[in-house]
Amino acid sequence: VYWDSFNCDSIFMIIFIISVFAITLNFDGNKNRITKIICSIGKNTFGIYVTHIVFLSFFSEYFVWEGFPSRIVKFLLTLGFSYLTTVGFSKNRFFKKFVSVA
């Protein structure tokens, strides 16, 4: 599978994932809907990282993504589906240990 310009095995990708986790884990502020989503993404960063490859493969295989706007859509779809999958897995007592911090 051709991964466009993503370099998944780069040390910089690992640094990026750890950075996102560190920035969003203890994010605090007004307890509105956006803050809760940001905190939830921070808690589920590892699960998103693990599951995103499935959705990235699916979207790359079945849809054509050319140009910057379509790649943004691909990114948002991959993030959204990975996040929802991880949140679903975190409801299970067994999987929660593997995909979520809290």
C-alpha atoms as a PDB file:
ATOM      1  CA  VAL A   1       0.000   0.000   0.000  1.00  0.00           C
ATOM      2  CA  TYR A   2       1.312   3.410  -0.933  1.00  0.00           C
ATOM      3  CA  TRP A   3       1.017   5.782   2.044  1.00  0.00           C
ATOM      4  CA  ASP A   4       1.096   9.095   0.170  1.00  0.00           C
ATOM      5  CA  SER A   5       3.564  11.236   2.081  1.00  0.00           C
ATOM      6  CA  PHE A   6       3.127   9.616   5.492  1.00  0.00           C
ATOM      7  CA  ASN A   7       6.314   8.245   6.959  1.00  0.00           C
ATOM      8  CA  CYS A   8       4.865   6.003   9.660  1.00  0.00           C
ATOM      9  CA  ASP A   9       8.150   4.396  10.660  1.00  0.00           C
ATOM     10  CA  SER A  10       9.971   7.680  11.174  1.00  0.00           C
ATOM     11  CA  ILE A  11      11.273   8.703  14.590  1.00  0.00           C
ATOM     12  CA  PHE A  12       9.589  12.046  13.973  1.00  0.00           C
ATOM     13  CA  MET A  13       6.184  10.339  13.771  1.00  0.00           C
ATOM     14  CA  ILE A  14       6.759   8.759  17.182  1.00  0.00           C
ATOM     15  CA  ILE A  15       7.824  12.146  18.581  1.00  0.00           C
ATOM     16  CA  PHE A  16       4.703  13.709  17.070  1.00  0.00           C
ATOM     17  CA  ILE A  17       2.401  11.102  18.639  1.00  0.00           C
ATOM     18  CA  ILE A  18       4.035  11.512  22.052  1.00  0.00           C
ATOM     19  CA  SER A  19       3.727  15.300  21.707  1.00  0.00           C
ATOM     20  CA  VAL A  20       0.021  15.125  20.916  1.00  0.00           C
ATOM     21  CA  PHE A  21      -0.463  12.806  23.872  1.00  0.00           C
ATOM     22  CA  ALA A  22       1.490  15.088  26.231  1.00  0.00           C
ATOM     23  CA  ILE A  23      -0.254  18.261  25.083  1.00  0.00           C
ATOM     24  CA  THR A  24      -3.792  16.909  25.260  1.00  0.00           C
ATOM     25  CA  LEU A  25      -3.657  14.561  28.248  1.00  0.00           C
ATOM     26  CA  ASN A  26      -3.887  17.201  30.964  1.00  0.00           C
ATOM     27  CA  PHE A  27      -5.668  19.815  28.887  1.00  0.00           C
ATOM     28  CA  ASP A  28      -7.873  21.770  31.235  1.00  0.00           C
ATOM     29  CA  GLY A  29     -10.127  24.747  30.955  1.00  0.00           C
ATOM     30  CA  ASN A  30     -13.837  25.339  30.793  1.00  0.00           C
ATOM     31  CA  LYS A  31     -15.632  22.044  30.867  1.00  0.00           C
ATOM     32  CA  ASN A  32     -17.484  22.595  27.623  1.00  0.00           C
ATOM     33  CA  ARG A  33     -18.000  20.075  24.828  1.00  0.00           C
ATOM     34  CA  ILE A  34     -14.796  20.975  22.936  1.00  0.00           C
ATOM     35  CA  THR A  35     -12.663  20.637  26.077  1.00  0.00           C
ATOM     36  CA  LYS A  36     -14.149  17.220  26.792  1.00  0.00           C
ATOM     37  CA  ILE A  37     -13.413  16.058  23.231  1.00  0.00           C
ATOM     38  CA  ILE A  38      -9.809  17.305  23.421  1.00  0.00           C
ATOM     39  CA  CYS A  39      -9.303  15.523  26.761  1.00  0.00           C
ATOM     40  CA  SER A  40     -10.846  12.349  25.347  1.00  0.00           C
ATOM     41  CA  ILE A  41      -8.554  12.455  22.311  1.00  0.00           C
ATOM     42  CA  GLY A  42      -5.592  12.874  24.654  1.00  0.00           C
ATOM     43  CA  LYS A  43      -6.610   9.869  26.721  1.00  0.00           C
ATOM     44  CA  ASN A  44      -7.142   7.735  23.625  1.00  0.00           C
ATOM     45  CA  THR A  45      -4.106   8.787  21.569  1.00  0.00           C
ATOM     46  CA  PHE A  46      -2.451   5.379  21.700  1.00  0.00           C
ATOM     47  CA  GLY A  47      -5.632   3.619  20.600  1.00  0.00           C
ATOM     48  CA  ILE A  48      -6.035   6.096  17.744  1.00  0.00           C
ATOM     49  CA  TYR A  49      -2.445   5.452  16.722  1.00  0.00           C
ATOM     50  CA  VAL A  50      -2.977   1.688  16.745  1.00  0.00           C
ATOM     51  CA  THR A  51      -6.311   1.646  14.900  1.00  0.00           C
ATOM     52  CA  HIS A  52      -5.715   4.405  12.341  1.00  0.00           C
ATOM     53  CA  ILE A  53      -3.734   2.135  10.035  1.00  0.00           C
ATOM     54  CA  VAL A  54      -6.842   0.017   9.354  1.00  0.00           C
ATOM     55  CA  PHE A  55      -8.904   3.012   8.272  1.00  0.00           C
ATOM     56  CA  LEU A  56      -6.015   4.594   6.389  1.00  0.00           C
ATOM     57  CA  SER A  57      -5.606   1.371   4.407  1.00  0.00           C
ATOM     58  CA  PHE A  58      -9.334   1.195   3.702  1.00  0.00           C
ATOM     59  CA  PHE A  59      -9.638   4.794   2.540  1.00  0.00           C
ATOM     60  CA  SER A  60      -6.472   4.543   0.427  1.00  0.00           C
ATOM     61  CA  GLU A  61      -7.654   1.325  -1.207  1.00  0.00           C
ATOM     62  CA  TYR A  62     -11.212   2.284  -2.112  1.00  0.00           C
ATOM     63  CA  PHE A  63     -11.059   6.037  -2.728  1.00  0.00           C
ATOM     64  CA  VAL A  64      -8.850   8.312  -4.826  1.00  0.00           C
ATOM     65  CA  TRP A  65      -7.281  11.158  -2.858  1.00  0.00           C
ATOM     66  CA  GLU A  66      -5.640  13.779  -5.015  1.00  0.00           C
ATOM     67  CA  GLY A  67      -4.990  17.308  -3.911  1.00  0.00           C
ATOM     68  CA  PHE A  68      -4.749  18.971  -0.554  1.00  0.00           C
ATOM     69  CA  PRO A  69      -8.485  19.346   0.255  1.00  0.00           C
ATOM     70  CA  SER A  70      -9.213  15.672  -0.328  1.00  0.00           C
ATOM     71  CA  ARG A  71      -6.241  14.669   1.830  1.00  0.00           C
ATOM     72  CA  ILE A  72      -7.632  16.815   4.644  1.00  0.00           C
ATOM     73  CA  VAL A  73     -10.929  14.951   4.290  1.00  0.00           C
ATOM     74  CA  LYS A  74      -9.022  11.646   4.373  1.00  0.00           C
ATOM     75  CA  PHE A  75      -7.215  12.780   7.528  1.00  0.00           C
ATOM     76  CA  LEU A  76     -10.453  13.808   9.247  1.00  0.00           C
ATOM     77  CA  LEU A  77     -12.215  10.581   8.271  1.00  0.00           C
ATOM     78  CA  THR A  78      -9.301   8.463   9.487  1.00  0.00           C
ATOM     79  CA  LEU A  79      -9.059  10.377  12.760  1.00  0.00           C
ATOM     80  CA  GLY A  80     -12.816  10.275  13.292  1.00  0.00           C
ATOM     81  CA  PHE A  81     -13.237   6.570  12.665  1.00  0.00           C
ATOM     82  CA  SER A  82     -10.114   5.720  14.685  1.00  0.00           C
ATOM     83  CA  TYR A  83     -11.311   7.850  17.576  1.00  0.00           C
ATOM     84  CA  LEU A  84     -14.804   6.332  17.571  1.00  0.00           C
ATOM     85  CA  THR A  85     -13.353   2.813  17.390  1.00  0.00           C
ATOM     86  CA  THR A  86     -11.011   3.536  20.283  1.00  0.00           C
ATOM     87  CA  VAL A  87     -13.814   5.016  22.384  1.00  0.00           C
ATOM     88  CA  GLY A  88     -15.861   1.900  21.636  1.00  0.00           C
ATOM     89  CA  PHE A  89     -12.990  -0.355  22.676  1.00  0.00           C
ATOM     90  CA  SER A  90     -12.451   1.665  25.860  1.00  0.00           C
ATOM     91  CA  LYS A  91     -15.989   0.759  26.977  1.00  0.00           C
ATOM     92  CA  ASN A  92     -14.855  -2.860  27.208  1.00  0.00           C
ATOM     93  CA  ARG A  93     -13.055  -3.663  30.451  1.00  0.00           C
ATOM     94  CA  PHE A  94     -10.450  -5.887  28.718  1.00  0.00           C
ATOM     95  CA  PHE A  95      -9.585  -3.556  25.820  1.00  0.00           C
ATOM     96  CA  LYS A  96      -9.602  -0.390  27.942  1.00  0.00           C
ATOM     97  CA  LYS A  97      -6.172  -1.287  29.337  1.00  0.00           C
ATOM     98  CA  PHE A  98      -4.722  -1.320  25.827  1.00  0.00           C
ATOM     99  CA  VAL A  99      -6.293   1.697  24.125  1.00  0.00           C
ATOM    100  CA  SER A 100      -6.950   4.287  26.824  1.00  0.00           C
ATOM    101  CA  VAL A 101      -5.050   5.936  29.654  1.00  0.00           C
ATOM    102  CA  ALA A 102      -7.950   6.621  32.000  1.00  0.00           C
END
